[in-house]
Structures are given as C-alpha cells and as structure tokens.
PDB file of N, CA and C in Angstrom:
ATOM      1  N   MET A   1      98.930 -32.162   3.455  1.00  0.00           N
ATOM      2  CA  MET A   1     100.136 -31.698   4.157  1.00  0.00           C
ATOM      3  C   MET A   1     100.241 -32.343   5.549  1.00  0.00           C
ATOM      4  N   SER A   2     100.815 -33.519   5.597  1.00  0.00           N
ATOM      5  CA  SER A   2     100.948 -34.214   6.893  1.00  0.00           C
ATOM      6  C   SER A   2     102.279 -33.857   7.550  1.00  0.00           C
ATOM      7  N   ARG A   3     102.559 -32.568   7.638  1.00  0.00           N
ATOM      8  CA  ARG A   3     103.862 -32.162   8.222  1.00  0.00           C
ATOM      9  C   ARG A   3     103.692 -32.002   9.734  1.00  0.00           C
ATOM     10  N   CYS A   4     103.169 -33.000  10.394  1.00  0.00           N
ATOM     11  CA  CYS A   4     102.966 -32.931  11.848  1.00  0.00           C
ATOM     12  C   CYS A   4     104.311 -33.040  12.580  1.00  0.00           C
ATOM     13  N   PHE A   5     105.349 -33.398  11.833  1.00  0.00           N
ATOM     14  CA  PHE A   5     106.671 -33.580  12.431  1.00  0.00           C
ATOM     15  C   PHE A   5     107.654 -32.583  11.828  1.00  0.00           C
ATOM     16  N   PRO A   6     108.555 -32.037  12.674  1.00  0.00           N
ATOM     17  CA  PRO A   6     108.574 -32.322  14.099  1.00  0.00           C
ATOM     18  C   PRO A   6     107.484 -31.547  14.840  1.00  0.00           C
ATOM     19  N   TYR A   7     106.925 -30.552  14.196  1.00  0.00           N
ATOM     20  CA  TYR A   7     105.858 -29.774  14.843  1.00  0.00           C
ATOM     21  C   TYR A   7     104.941 -29.210  13.751  1.00  0.00           C
ATOM     22  N   PRO A   8     103.647 -29.065  14.066  1.00  0.00           N
ATOM     23  CA  PRO A   8     102.673 -28.544  13.097  1.00  0.00           C
ATOM     24  C   PRO A   8     102.866 -27.053  12.836  1.00  0.00           C
ATOM     25  N   PRO A   9     102.731 -26.609  11.585  1.00  0.00           N
ATOM     26  CA  PRO A   9     102.892 -25.204  11.211  1.00  0.00           C
ATOM     27  C   PRO A   9     101.821 -24.337  11.862  1.00  0.00           C
ATOM     28  N   PRO A  10     102.008 -23.004  11.847  1.00  0.00           N
ATOM     29  CA  PRO A  10     101.056 -22.065  12.447  1.00  0.00           C
ATOM     30  C   PRO A  10      99.664 -22.198  11.834  1.00  0.00           C
ATOM     31  N   GLY A  11      99.608 -22.428  10.537  1.00  0.00           N
ATOM     32  CA  GLY A  11      98.303 -22.560   9.867  1.00  0.00           C
ATOM     33  C   GLY A  11      97.579 -23.809  10.316  1.00  0.00           C
ATOM     34  N   PHE A  12      98.304 -24.915  10.380  1.00  0.00           N
ATOM     35  CA  PHE A  12      97.709 -26.193  10.795  1.00  0.00           C
ATOM     36  C   PHE A  12      97.200 -26.097  12.235  1.00  0.00           C
ATOM     37  N   LEU A  13      97.962 -25.407  13.058  1.00  0.00           N
ATOM     38  CA  LEU A  13      97.592 -25.279  14.473  1.00  0.00           C
ATOM     39  C   LEU A  13      96.222 -24.619  14.610  1.00  0.00           C
ATOM     40  N   LYS A  14      96.014 -23.563  13.837  1.00  0.00           N
ATOM     41  CA  LYS A  14      94.739 -22.842  13.935  1.00  0.00           C
ATOM     42  C   LYS A  14      93.608 -23.622  13.261  1.00  0.00           C
ATOM     43  N   THR A  15      93.964 -24.365  12.219  1.00  0.00           N
ATOM     44  CA  THR A  15      92.932 -25.113  11.481  1.00  0.00           C
ATOM     45  C   THR A  15      92.452 -26.325  12.283  1.00  0.00           C
ATOM     46  N   ASN A  16      93.399 -27.041  12.859  1.00  0.00           N
ATOM     47  CA  ASN A  16      93.049 -28.252  13.603  1.00  0.00           C
ATOM     48  C   ASN A  16      92.776 -27.934  15.073  1.00  0.00           C
ATOM     49  N   GLY A  17      93.238 -26.795  15.534  1.00  0.00           N
ATOM     50  CA  GLY A  17      93.045 -26.459  16.936  1.00  0.00           C
ATOM     51  C   GLY A  17      94.257 -26.837  17.763  1.00  0.00           C
ATOM     52  N   GLU A  18      94.203 -26.586  19.035  1.00  0.00           N
ATOM     53  CA  GLU A  18      95.353 -26.883  19.902  1.00  0.00           C
ATOM     54  C   GLU A  18      95.474 -28.370  20.188  1.00  0.00           C
ATOM     55  N   SER A  19      94.458 -29.131  19.837  1.00  0.00           N
ATOM     56  CA  SER A  19      94.462 -30.579  20.084  1.00  0.00           C
ATOM     57  C   SER A  19      95.613 -31.236  19.313  1.00  0.00           C
ATOM     58  N   ALA A  20      95.904 -30.717  18.133  1.00  0.00           N
ATOM     59  CA  ALA A  20      96.952 -31.294  17.292  1.00  0.00           C
ATOM     60  C   ALA A  20      98.314 -31.133  17.982  1.00  0.00           C
ATOM     61  N   VAL A  21      98.500 -30.022  18.661  1.00  0.00           N
ATOM     62  CA  VAL A  21      99.779 -29.766  19.323  1.00  0.00           C
ATOM     63  C   VAL A  21      99.956 -30.700  20.521  1.00  0.00           C
ATOM     64  N   SER A  22      98.873 -30.971  21.211  1.00  0.00           N
ATOM     65  CA  SER A  22      98.938 -31.836  22.400  1.00  0.00           C
ATOM     66  C   SER A  22      99.299 -33.266  22.004  1.00  0.00           C
ATOM     67  N   LYS A  23      98.837 -33.684  20.824  1.00  0.00           N
ATOM     68  CA  LYS A  23      99.087 -35.085  20.426  1.00  0.00           C
ATOM     69  C   LYS A  23     100.497 -35.195  19.894  1.00  0.00           C
TER      70      LYS A  23
END
C-alpha cells in the first residue's frame, strides 16, 4: 500500500512513525 500521496493513512502513520509524515 504505497498510498503516501497525498497523505499517509492513520494506520501507516503509526506503523512507519511520524518520520513518514515529515518526508
């Protein structure tokens, strides 16, 4: 699930951490 665009889902955010949101 590479749905990093336009923004990462709530699940991805917690799984990858806040680093994903910063990038």
